[in-house]
Amino acid sequence: MTQYAFIFARGGSKGLPRKNCKNLLGTPLIVYSIETALNVVNIDKVFVSTDDPEIAAIALAADAEVIERPKHLATDESPEWLSWQHAINWVTSKYGEFEQFISLPATSPLRSVQDVESAMEKLNRSSADICISTTPANRSPYFNMIKETATGNVELVNTNSTSVFRRQDAPQVYDITTVVYVAKPNYILKNNSLFDGQVTHITVPKERAIDIDDIYDFKLAEVILSSKGQLC
């Protein structure tokens, strides 16, 4: 089975400018994802899809192959799903068809090799089209999440859950993380979004599920990495 890892990294970023090449404990953020992918034994190649020359240079130096992403797929409004399709077509035209697509967003530097391997194995064992990563949610639409009504009052997001009086009685819900996505390439090419088909998931602990969107996320990642004794 041929399995390729993909890291999608635009040059533009509003929440934390230039975050994908910003040094995290002395290492560019994107390199964490590249190194994790390179350490997964069953991943055959690692690709970085980017529109940015600096990110491309960092990726090449870290032993990833660069896919030049078209500018129209690198705007704030561009669905990443379209970049996934572009990358699959690019790789297929150069190397032929492959069986497993693994997306490792650059904004999740705390993932482990085991997280990636678990998602790959989960998809292989299941009949699903895609495996996503999740972490247990702090809030629940069955218990302590509300929405404002047209009259200005508030009510539970899930109004059918009024019989749930304790958090422990509410169904377990999860937050989607950016740790790892594993899919069959044809599923991505033939559909338009994540939940068009059968979706399975793995769970990861919160400390490995940080998604760096702003400087506060970045600082938290620094603290966690430092506490683990990781050196630059």
Protein backbone atom coordinates (compact mmCIF):
# COMPACT_ATOMS: atom_id res chain seq x y z
CA MET A 1 0.00 0.00 0.00
CA THR A 2 1.36 3.41 -1.01
CA GLN A 3 0.75 6.08 1.62
CA TYR A 4 1.68 9.74 1.26
CA ALA A 5 1.67 12.54 3.83
CA PHE A 6 0.65 16.08 2.88
CA ILE A 7 1.19 19.33 4.75
CA PHE A 8 -0.76 22.34 3.50
CA ALA A 9 0.79 25.65 4.46
CA ARG A 10 -0.15 29.04 3.06
CA GLY A 11 2.08 32.07 3.34
CA GLY A 12 -0.78 34.26 4.52
CA SER A 13 -2.09 34.11 8.07
CA LYS A 14 -4.22 36.69 9.86
CA GLY A 15 -4.31 35.31 13.40
CA LEU A 16 -0.53 34.88 13.66
CA PRO A 17 1.36 36.33 10.68
CA ARG A 18 3.91 34.00 9.05
CA LYS A 19 3.10 31.33 11.63
CA ASN A 20 4.04 28.36 9.44
CA CYS A 21 7.68 29.45 9.34
CA LYS A 22 7.77 31.07 12.79
CA ASN A 23 10.35 29.45 15.08
CA LEU A 24 8.88 27.32 17.86
CA LEU A 25 11.74 26.62 20.30
CA GLY A 26 14.15 27.35 17.46
CA THR A 27 12.47 25.16 14.85
CA PRO A 28 10.12 26.47 12.14
CA LEU A 29 6.57 25.42 12.99
CA ILE A 30 6.04 23.46 9.77
CA VAL A 31 9.13 21.33 10.41
CA TYR A 32 7.41 19.62 13.36
CA SER A 33 4.79 18.15 11.02
CA ILE A 34 7.38 17.19 8.40
CA GLU A 35 9.56 15.41 10.96
CA THR A 36 6.59 13.54 12.41
CA ALA A 37 5.59 12.34 8.93
CA LEU A 38 9.17 11.25 8.16
CA ASN A 39 9.19 9.20 11.37
CA VAL A 40 6.06 7.23 10.44
CA VAL A 41 7.50 4.04 8.97
CA ASN A 42 4.65 3.35 6.54
CA ILE A 43 4.57 6.83 4.99
CA ASP A 44 6.37 6.64 1.65
CA LYS A 45 6.73 10.33 0.78
CA VAL A 46 6.08 13.68 2.43
CA PHE A 47 4.74 16.62 0.42
CA VAL A 48 4.28 20.27 1.35
CA SER A 49 1.71 22.23 -0.65
CA THR A 50 2.43 25.95 -0.46
CA ASP A 51 2.29 29.22 -2.36
CA ASP A 52 5.13 30.72 -0.32
CA PRO A 53 8.85 30.62 -1.34
CA GLU A 54 10.13 30.79 2.25
CA ILE A 55 7.92 27.89 3.36
CA ALA A 56 8.99 25.95 0.25
CA ALA A 57 12.67 26.46 1.10
CA ILE A 58 12.14 25.31 4.69
CA ALA A 59 10.25 22.24 3.47
CA LEU A 60 12.97 21.26 1.01
CA ALA A 61 15.65 21.64 3.68
CA ALA A 62 13.60 19.34 5.93
CA ASP A 63 13.47 16.62 3.21
CA ALA A 64 9.90 17.15 2.02
CA GLU A 65 8.91 17.53 -1.62
CA VAL A 66 7.18 20.77 -2.54
CA ILE A 67 3.93 21.13 -4.47
CA GLU A 68 3.49 24.64 -5.81
CA ARG A 69 -0.01 25.67 -4.85
CA PRO A 70 -1.85 27.99 -7.24
CA LYS A 71 -2.57 31.45 -5.83
CA HIS A 72 -6.32 31.00 -6.16
CA LEU A 73 -6.10 28.05 -3.77
CA ALA A 74 -4.12 30.01 -1.19
CA THR A 75 -6.50 32.80 -0.21
CA ASP A 76 -8.36 33.19 3.08
CA GLU A 77 -11.56 32.12 1.32
CA SER A 78 -10.14 29.05 -0.47
CA PRO A 79 -11.55 25.76 0.90
CA GLU A 80 -8.65 23.51 1.85
CA TRP A 81 -10.57 20.61 0.33
CA LEU A 82 -9.76 22.05 -3.11
CA SER A 83 -6.06 22.16 -2.21
CA TRP A 84 -6.34 18.51 -1.19
CA GLN A 85 -7.76 17.68 -4.60
CA HIS A 86 -5.05 19.68 -6.35
CA ALA A 87 -2.29 17.91 -4.40
CA ILE A 88 -3.71 14.46 -5.09
CA ASN A 89 -3.92 15.19 -8.82
CA TRP A 90 -0.38 16.63 -8.82
CA VAL A 91 1.11 13.62 -7.06
CA THR A 92 -0.85 11.12 -9.13
CA SER A 93 0.35 12.70 -12.37
CA LYS A 94 3.98 12.47 -11.19
CA TYR A 95 4.09 9.22 -9.21
CA GLY A 96 0.94 7.33 -10.12
CA GLU A 97 -2.04 6.35 -7.99
CA PHE A 98 -1.71 5.79 -4.26
CA GLU A 99 -3.95 4.26 -1.61
CA GLN A 100 -3.85 6.54 1.40
CA PHE A 101 -3.83 10.32 1.81
CA ILE A 102 -2.59 11.65 5.18
CA SER A 103 -2.99 15.35 5.96
CA LEU A 104 -0.89 16.69 8.83
CA PRO A 105 -1.66 20.40 9.30
CA ALA A 106 1.36 22.50 10.21
CA THR A 107 -0.57 24.11 13.06
CA SER A 108 -0.53 20.94 15.19
CA PRO A 109 3.10 20.51 16.25
CA LEU A 110 2.33 18.44 19.36
CA ARG A 111 0.95 15.37 17.60
CA SER A 112 2.80 12.10 18.06
CA VAL A 113 3.87 9.49 15.54
CA GLN A 114 1.43 7.15 17.30
CA ASP A 115 -1.47 9.54 16.63
CA VAL A 116 -0.75 9.38 12.91
CA GLU A 117 -0.29 5.63 12.89
CA SER A 118 -3.52 5.13 14.86
CA ALA A 119 -5.52 7.10 12.30
CA MET A 120 -3.95 5.22 9.40
CA GLU A 121 -4.69 1.88 11.05
CA LYS A 122 -8.24 2.91 12.01
CA LEU A 123 -9.11 3.72 8.41
CA ASN A 124 -7.58 0.46 7.20
CA ARG A 125 -9.64 -1.54 9.70
CA SER A 126 -12.93 0.22 9.01
CA SER A 127 -15.27 0.63 6.07
CA ALA A 128 -15.11 4.43 6.40
CA ASP A 129 -13.92 6.81 3.71
CA ILE A 130 -12.00 9.12 6.03
CA CYS A 131 -10.64 9.11 9.57
CA ILE A 132 -10.42 12.37 11.51
CA SER A 133 -8.88 13.17 14.87
CA THR A 134 -10.94 14.42 17.81
CA THR A 135 -10.58 15.27 21.47
CA PRO A 136 -13.29 15.19 24.16
CA ALA A 137 -15.17 18.51 24.20
CA ASN A 138 -15.38 20.70 27.29
CA ARG A 139 -18.88 21.88 26.41
CA SER A 140 -21.91 19.86 25.37
CA PRO A 141 -24.95 20.90 23.31
CA TYR A 142 -26.89 18.46 25.50
CA PHE A 143 -26.01 20.17 28.76
CA ASN A 144 -24.18 23.52 28.87
CA MET A 145 -24.20 25.09 25.41
CA ILE A 146 -26.88 27.69 24.68
CA LYS A 147 -28.05 29.87 21.82
CA GLU A 148 -29.91 33.16 21.76
CA THR A 149 -33.48 33.12 20.49
CA ALA A 150 -35.25 35.72 18.35
CA THR A 151 -36.72 37.28 21.51
CA GLY A 152 -33.31 37.75 23.11
CA ASN A 153 -33.69 34.90 25.58
CA VAL A 154 -31.45 31.84 25.57
CA GLU A 155 -32.09 28.12 25.27
CA LEU A 156 -30.08 24.92 24.98
CA VAL A 157 -28.54 24.31 21.58
CA ASN A 158 -30.17 20.89 21.63
CA THR A 159 -33.71 21.57 22.90
CA ASN A 160 -34.47 17.84 22.94
CA SER A 161 -32.01 17.33 25.80
CA THR A 162 -34.02 18.92 28.62
CA SER A 163 -34.04 15.62 30.53
CA VAL A 164 -30.25 15.77 30.96
CA PHE A 165 -29.60 17.24 34.41
CA ARG A 166 -25.98 16.20 34.97
CA ARG A 167 -22.98 16.54 32.66
CA GLN A 168 -22.20 12.87 33.27
CA ASP A 169 -25.59 11.89 31.76
CA ALA A 170 -25.03 13.79 28.50
CA PRO A 171 -23.78 11.85 25.46
CA GLN A 172 -20.03 12.19 24.89
CA VAL A 173 -19.28 14.82 22.27
CA TYR A 174 -15.98 15.66 20.64
CA ASP A 175 -14.14 18.59 19.10
CA ILE A 176 -12.56 18.01 15.70
CA THR A 177 -8.81 18.61 15.88
CA THR A 178 -6.20 19.35 13.23
CA VAL A 179 -3.90 16.56 14.40
CA VAL A 180 -4.44 14.19 11.47
CA TYR A 181 -6.82 13.37 8.62
CA VAL A 182 -6.50 10.10 6.72
CA ALA A 183 -8.59 9.41 3.64
CA LYS A 184 -8.90 7.40 0.48
CA PRO A 185 -7.75 9.68 -2.35
CA ASN A 186 -10.71 8.85 -4.58
CA TYR A 187 -13.09 9.91 -1.83
CA ILE A 188 -11.55 13.37 -1.77
CA LEU A 189 -11.56 13.65 -5.55
CA LYS A 190 -15.19 12.57 -5.94
CA ASN A 191 -16.76 14.54 -3.08
CA ASN A 192 -16.96 18.13 -1.89
CA SER A 193 -16.55 18.00 1.88
CA LEU A 194 -15.40 16.00 4.87
CA PHE A 195 -18.78 14.55 5.86
CA ASP A 196 -20.09 13.55 2.44
CA GLY A 197 -19.30 9.90 3.16
CA GLN A 198 -18.57 7.59 6.07
CA VAL A 199 -16.39 9.21 8.72
CA THR A 200 -14.61 7.49 11.60
CA HIS A 201 -12.31 9.01 14.21
CA ILE A 202 -9.54 8.57 16.73
CA THR A 203 -9.29 10.52 19.98
CA VAL A 204 -6.17 12.33 21.12
CA PRO A 205 -5.48 14.01 24.48
CA LYS A 206 -5.94 17.76 24.67
CA GLU A 207 -2.24 18.45 25.16
CA ARG A 208 -1.50 17.00 21.72
CA ALA A 209 -4.51 18.61 20.05
CA ILE A 210 -3.44 22.26 20.20
CA ASP A 211 -4.18 24.07 16.93
CA ILE A 212 -2.01 27.18 16.61
CA ASP A 213 -4.17 30.04 15.38
CA ASP A 214 -2.85 32.97 17.40
CA ILE A 215 0.04 33.98 19.66
CA TYR A 216 -1.68 32.53 22.73
CA ASP A 217 -1.84 29.07 21.14
CA PHE A 218 1.79 29.48 20.11
CA LYS A 219 2.90 30.38 23.63
CA LEU A 220 0.96 27.44 25.08
CA ALA A 221 2.68 25.08 22.65
CA GLU A 222 6.04 26.50 23.73
CA VAL A 223 5.23 25.82 27.38
CA ILE A 224 4.09 22.25 26.74
CA LEU A 225 7.09 21.43 24.56
CA SER A 226 9.47 22.98 27.08
CA SER A 227 7.89 20.99 29.92
CA LYS A 228 8.56 17.80 27.99
CA GLY A 229 12.23 18.70 27.80
CA GLN A 230 12.23 18.95 24.00
CA LEU A 231 15.21 20.88 22.71
CA CYS A 232 15.52 22.99 19.56
